Amino acid sequence: MIDTAYAMGTAPGGAGAQGGGFAAFIPLIIIFVIFYFLLIRPQQKKAKEHRKFLDNLKMGDNVLTVGGLHGTVTGLTDQVITLEIADKVRVKVARSYIAGASPTQREGAEKESK
């Protein structure tokens, strides 16, 4: 019976001891900070720039849609943009489906800034 009681005791090295409560959360906090600066923050910054671009659209801007259409803005409302994609061919596109400035417009803006 003494052998059984001795076998149930803790090891002399303290193998059964657990770390502090806050110390266990430090790696999780560090991982969250890394994810924030590498993933979340850049995505929020890009979304903010895209919203600013959509708010500053004006007639005559060349844009590219998410579907790949290149066109010139001929009409603007709060939710819909009318694009002219060819002579006398106009399509209405939801404002949220505008991906950005057309590459031809970006090249022209870069040349003007130099």
C-alpha atoms as a PDB file:
ATOM      1  CA  MET A   1       0.000   0.000   0.000  1.00  0.00           C
ATOM      2  CA  ILE A   2       2.856   2.407   0.627  1.00  0.00           C
ATOM      3  CA  ASP A   3       4.187   1.782  -2.881  1.00  0.00           C
ATOM      4  CA  THR A   4       0.867   2.856  -4.400  1.00  0.00           C
ATOM      5  CA  ALA A   5       0.750   6.091  -2.410  1.00  0.00           C
ATOM      6  CA  TYR A   6       4.309   6.917  -3.384  1.00  0.00           C
ATOM      7  CA  ALA A   7       3.561   6.357  -7.084  1.00  0.00           C
ATOM      8  CA  MET A   8       0.777   8.956  -7.014  1.00  0.00           C
ATOM      9  CA  GLY A   9       3.054  11.743  -5.746  1.00  0.00           C
ATOM     10  CA  THR A  10       4.377  14.553  -7.974  1.00  0.00           C
ATOM     11  CA  ALA A  11       7.754  14.304  -9.614  1.00  0.00           C
ATOM     12  CA  PRO A  12      10.612  16.112  -7.915  1.00  0.00           C
ATOM     13  CA  GLY A  13      11.215  18.284 -11.021  1.00  0.00           C
ATOM     14  CA  GLY A  14       7.691  19.758 -10.842  1.00  0.00           C
ATOM     15  CA  ALA A  15       6.548  18.234 -14.143  1.00  0.00           C
ATOM     16  CA  GLY A  16       2.924  18.675 -13.107  1.00  0.00           C
ATOM     17  CA  ALA A  17       3.206  22.453 -12.609  1.00  0.00           C
ATOM     18  CA  GLN A  18       1.492  24.788 -15.116  1.00  0.00           C
ATOM     19  CA  GLY A  19       2.653  28.183 -16.411  1.00  0.00           C
ATOM     20  CA  GLY A  20       1.096  31.486 -15.373  1.00  0.00           C
ATOM     21  CA  GLY A  21      -2.287  32.464 -16.818  1.00  0.00           C
ATOM     22  CA  PHE A  22      -1.148  35.635 -18.622  1.00  0.00           C
ATOM     23  CA  ALA A  23       2.053  34.042 -19.914  1.00  0.00           C
ATOM     24  CA  ALA A  24      -0.025  31.538 -21.888  1.00  0.00           C
ATOM     25  CA  PHE A  25      -1.767  34.361 -23.799  1.00  0.00           C
ATOM     26  CA  ILE A  26       1.386  36.240 -24.828  1.00  0.00           C
ATOM     27  CA  PRO A  27       1.989  34.107 -27.983  1.00  0.00           C
ATOM     28  CA  LEU A  28      -1.652  34.589 -29.026  1.00  0.00           C
ATOM     29  CA  ILE A  29      -1.365  38.344 -28.568  1.00  0.00           C
ATOM     30  CA  ILE A  30       1.844  38.440 -30.620  1.00  0.00           C
ATOM     31  CA  ILE A  31       0.209  36.422 -33.419  1.00  0.00           C
ATOM     32  CA  PHE A  32      -2.776  38.801 -33.466  1.00  0.00           C
ATOM     33  CA  VAL A  33      -0.469  41.839 -33.701  1.00  0.00           C
ATOM     34  CA  ILE A  34       1.430  40.246 -36.599  1.00  0.00           C
ATOM     35  CA  PHE A  35      -1.831  39.434 -38.428  1.00  0.00           C
ATOM     36  CA  TYR A  36      -3.064  42.981 -37.861  1.00  0.00           C
ATOM     37  CA  PHE A  37       0.001  44.638 -39.380  1.00  0.00           C
ATOM     38  CA  LEU A  38       0.490  42.135 -42.214  1.00  0.00           C
ATOM     39  CA  LEU A  39      -3.115  41.426 -43.266  1.00  0.00           C
ATOM     40  CA  ILE A  40      -5.840  43.537 -41.685  1.00  0.00           C
ATOM     41  CA  ARG A  41      -4.302  47.023 -41.800  1.00  0.00           C
ATOM     42  CA  PRO A  42      -3.168  46.913 -45.463  1.00  0.00           C
ATOM     43  CA  GLN A  43      -6.579  45.591 -46.513  1.00  0.00           C
ATOM     44  CA  GLN A  44      -8.355  48.417 -44.669  1.00  0.00           C
ATOM     45  CA  LYS A  45      -6.008  50.966 -46.244  1.00  0.00           C
ATOM     46  CA  LYS A  46      -6.679  49.601 -49.736  1.00  0.00           C
ATOM     47  CA  ALA A  47     -10.453  49.638 -49.137  1.00  0.00           C
ATOM     48  CA  LYS A  48     -10.252  53.248 -47.944  1.00  0.00           C
ATOM     49  CA  GLU A  49      -8.341  54.288 -51.083  1.00  0.00           C
ATOM     50  CA  HIS A  50     -10.896  52.479 -53.287  1.00  0.00           C
ATOM     51  CA  ARG A  51     -13.806  54.271 -51.568  1.00  0.00           C
ATOM     52  CA  LYS A  52     -12.006  57.587 -52.066  1.00  0.00           C
ATOM     53  CA  PHE A  53     -11.483  56.767 -55.771  1.00  0.00           C
ATOM     54  CA  LEU A  54     -15.179  55.922 -56.216  1.00  0.00           C
ATOM     55  CA  ASP A  55     -16.250  59.120 -54.446  1.00  0.00           C
ATOM     56  CA  ASN A  56     -14.003  61.250 -56.688  1.00  0.00           C
ATOM     57  CA  LEU A  57     -15.168  59.780 -60.017  1.00  0.00           C
ATOM     58  CA  LYS A  58     -16.269  62.350 -62.566  1.00  0.00           C
ATOM     59  CA  MET A  59     -17.531  62.416 -66.118  1.00  0.00           C
ATOM     60  CA  GLY A  60     -14.892  61.531 -68.700  1.00  0.00           C
ATOM     61  CA  ASP A  61     -12.762  59.305 -66.413  1.00  0.00           C
ATOM     62  CA  ASN A  62     -11.536  56.069 -67.964  1.00  0.00           C
ATOM     63  CA  VAL A  63     -12.208  53.140 -65.632  1.00  0.00           C
ATOM     64  CA  LEU A  64     -11.863  49.389 -65.492  1.00  0.00           C
ATOM     65  CA  THR A  65     -14.652  47.202 -64.111  1.00  0.00           C
ATOM     66  CA  VAL A  66     -14.264  44.025 -62.099  1.00  0.00           C
ATOM     67  CA  GLY A  67     -15.479  42.105 -65.144  1.00  0.00           C
ATOM     68  CA  GLY A  68     -12.704  43.554 -67.303  1.00  0.00           C
ATOM     69  CA  LEU A  69     -14.607  46.198 -69.273  1.00  0.00           C
ATOM     70  CA  HIS A  70     -12.719  49.387 -70.100  1.00  0.00           C
ATOM     71  CA  GLY A  71     -14.922  52.405 -70.478  1.00  0.00           C
ATOM     72  CA  THR A  72     -15.413  56.125 -70.097  1.00  0.00           C
ATOM     73  CA  VAL A  73     -17.786  57.454 -67.451  1.00  0.00           C
ATOM     74  CA  THR A  74     -20.742  59.188 -69.112  1.00  0.00           C
ATOM     75  CA  GLY A  75     -23.237  59.196 -66.249  1.00  0.00           C
ATOM     76  CA  LEU A  76     -23.103  59.115 -62.451  1.00  0.00           C
ATOM     77  CA  THR A  77     -25.663  58.426 -59.741  1.00  0.00           C
ATOM     78  CA  ASP A  78     -25.284  57.278 -56.154  1.00  0.00           C
ATOM     79  CA  GLN A  79     -25.376  53.577 -57.019  1.00  0.00           C
ATOM     80  CA  VAL A  80     -25.005  53.298 -60.818  1.00  0.00           C
ATOM     81  CA  ILE A  81     -22.356  54.484 -63.258  1.00  0.00           C
ATOM     82  CA  THR A  82     -22.964  54.603 -67.001  1.00  0.00           C
ATOM     83  CA  LEU A  83     -19.938  53.640 -69.064  1.00  0.00           C
ATOM     84  CA  GLU A  84     -19.376  54.097 -72.755  1.00  0.00           C
ATOM     85  CA  ILE A  85     -17.418  51.046 -73.858  1.00  0.00           C
ATOM     86  CA  ALA A  86     -17.550  51.739 -77.620  1.00  0.00           C
ATOM     87  CA  ASP A  87     -19.075  54.359 -79.915  1.00  0.00           C
ATOM     88  CA  LYS A  88     -22.748  54.694 -78.939  1.00  0.00           C
ATOM     89  CA  VAL A  89     -22.553  51.581 -76.715  1.00  0.00           C
ATOM     90  CA  ARG A  90     -23.328  52.380 -73.095  1.00  0.00           C
ATOM     91  CA  VAL A  91     -23.710  50.036 -70.146  1.00  0.00           C
ATOM     92  CA  LYS A  92     -24.837  50.670 -66.608  1.00  0.00           C
ATOM     93  CA  VAL A  93     -22.597  49.244 -63.897  1.00  0.00           C
ATOM     94  CA  ALA A  94     -23.038  49.251 -60.135  1.00  0.00           C
ATOM     95  CA  ARG A  95     -20.589  51.639 -58.525  1.00  0.00           C
ATOM     96  CA  SER A  96     -19.144  48.836 -56.383  1.00  0.00           C
ATOM     97  CA  TYR A  97     -18.059  46.931 -59.522  1.00  0.00           C
ATOM     98  CA  ILE A  98     -15.598  49.598 -60.611  1.00  0.00           C
ATOM     99  CA  ALA A  99     -12.131  48.122 -59.978  1.00  0.00           C
ATOM    100  CA  GLY A 100     -10.079  51.241 -60.596  1.00  0.00           C
ATOM    101  CA  ALA A 101      -8.657  53.583 -63.155  1.00  0.00           C
ATOM    102  CA  SER A 102      -8.053  52.199 -66.609  1.00  0.00           C
ATOM    103  CA  PRO A 103      -4.373  51.451 -67.315  1.00  0.00           C
ATOM    104  CA  THR A 104      -4.417  54.016 -70.133  1.00  0.00           C
ATOM    105  CA  GLN A 105      -5.596  56.714 -67.711  1.00  0.00           C
ATOM    106  CA  ARG A 106      -2.962  55.710 -65.137  1.00  0.00           C
ATOM    107  CA  GLU A 107      -0.192  55.977 -67.761  1.00  0.00           C
ATOM    108  CA  GLY A 108      -1.399  59.452 -68.735  1.00  0.00           C
ATOM    109  CA  ALA A 109      -1.475  60.578 -65.106  1.00  0.00           C
ATOM    110  CA  GLU A 110       2.061  59.283 -64.533  1.00  0.00           C
ATOM    111  CA  LYS A 111       3.340  61.181 -67.593  1.00  0.00           C
ATOM    112  CA  GLU A 112       1.681  64.402 -66.403  1.00  0.00           C
ATOM    113  CA  SER A 113       3.211  64.103 -62.931  1.00  0.00           C
ATOM    114  CA  LYS A 114       6.780  63.813 -64.336  1.00  0.00           C
END
